């Protein structure tokens, strides 16, 4: 039997911050601070946005991560 390799999947940020007191692991604000936000994305007004101004979609976000 062949072994299946389990590639570690990158955590995707949420598209909007849930404003909880203890920030969750996928919070865009926390990921921005830690530097783990995918390339080309930033956070404005607690919402995940793209630097080029296009809409954020989960499909494109998964591709970027």
Protein backbone atom coordinates (compact mmCIF):
# COMPACT_ATOMS: atom_id res chain seq x y z
CA UNK A 1 0.00 0.00 0.00
CA UNK A 2 1.18 3.45 -0.83
CA UNK A 3 1.41 6.02 1.93
CA UNK A 4 -0.68 9.13 1.52
CA UNK A 5 1.21 12.31 2.27
CA UNK A 6 -0.77 14.85 4.18
CA UNK A 7 0.20 18.29 3.03
CA UNK A 8 -0.49 20.92 5.64
CA UNK A 9 -3.31 23.10 4.38
CA UNK A 10 -2.93 26.83 4.96
CA UNK A 11 -5.56 28.38 7.20
CA UNK A 12 -7.72 30.74 5.21
CA UNK A 13 -8.77 33.99 6.84
CA UNK A 14 -12.42 34.79 7.37
CA UNK A 15 -13.80 37.47 5.06
CA UNK A 16 -15.08 39.53 7.99
CA UNK A 17 -13.90 39.86 11.60
CA UNK A 18 -16.35 38.46 14.15
CA UNK A 19 -15.23 41.05 16.77
CA UNK A 20 -14.82 38.51 19.56
CA UNK A 21 -12.78 39.54 22.59
CA UNK A 22 -10.39 36.61 22.16
CA UNK A 23 -9.62 36.73 18.45
CA UNK A 24 -10.05 33.40 16.66
CA UNK A 25 -7.21 31.77 14.73
CA UNK A 26 -8.68 32.73 11.35
CA UNK A 27 -9.37 36.38 12.21
CA UNK A 28 -8.11 38.63 9.39
CA UNK A 29 -6.85 41.18 11.94
CA UNK A 30 -4.75 38.57 13.76
CA UNK A 31 -3.44 37.12 10.50
CA UNK A 32 -2.45 40.62 9.32
CA UNK A 33 -0.59 41.25 12.57
CA UNK A 34 1.18 37.88 12.47
CA UNK A 35 2.05 38.26 8.78
CA UNK A 36 0.19 35.10 7.74
CA UNK A 37 -2.35 36.84 5.51
CA UNK A 38 -2.03 35.70 1.85
CA UNK A 39 -0.11 37.92 -0.54
CA UNK A 40 -2.22 40.68 -2.12
CA UNK A 41 -4.76 40.93 0.72
CA UNK A 42 -5.21 43.41 3.56
CA UNK A 43 -7.83 44.40 6.14
CA UNK A 44 -9.88 47.59 6.08
CA UNK A 45 -12.71 48.33 8.52
CA UNK A 46 -12.46 44.77 9.93
CA UNK A 47 -13.13 43.28 6.49
CA UNK A 48 -10.75 41.38 4.22
CA UNK A 49 -10.04 43.24 0.95
CA UNK A 50 -7.76 42.77 -2.03
CA UNK A 51 -5.04 45.33 -2.69
CA UNK A 52 -6.01 45.63 -6.36
CA UNK A 53 -9.62 46.54 -5.49
CA UNK A 54 -11.30 43.42 -6.89
CA UNK A 55 -13.90 41.44 -4.94
CA UNK A 56 -12.75 38.83 -2.43
CA UNK A 57 -13.98 35.33 -3.25
CA UNK A 58 -13.24 32.18 -1.30
CA UNK A 59 -12.08 30.43 -4.47
CA UNK A 60 -9.46 33.09 -5.26
CA UNK A 61 -8.50 33.28 -1.61
CA UNK A 62 -7.83 29.53 -1.51
CA UNK A 63 -5.68 29.85 -4.63
CA UNK A 64 -3.63 32.68 -3.10
CA UNK A 65 -2.96 30.77 0.12
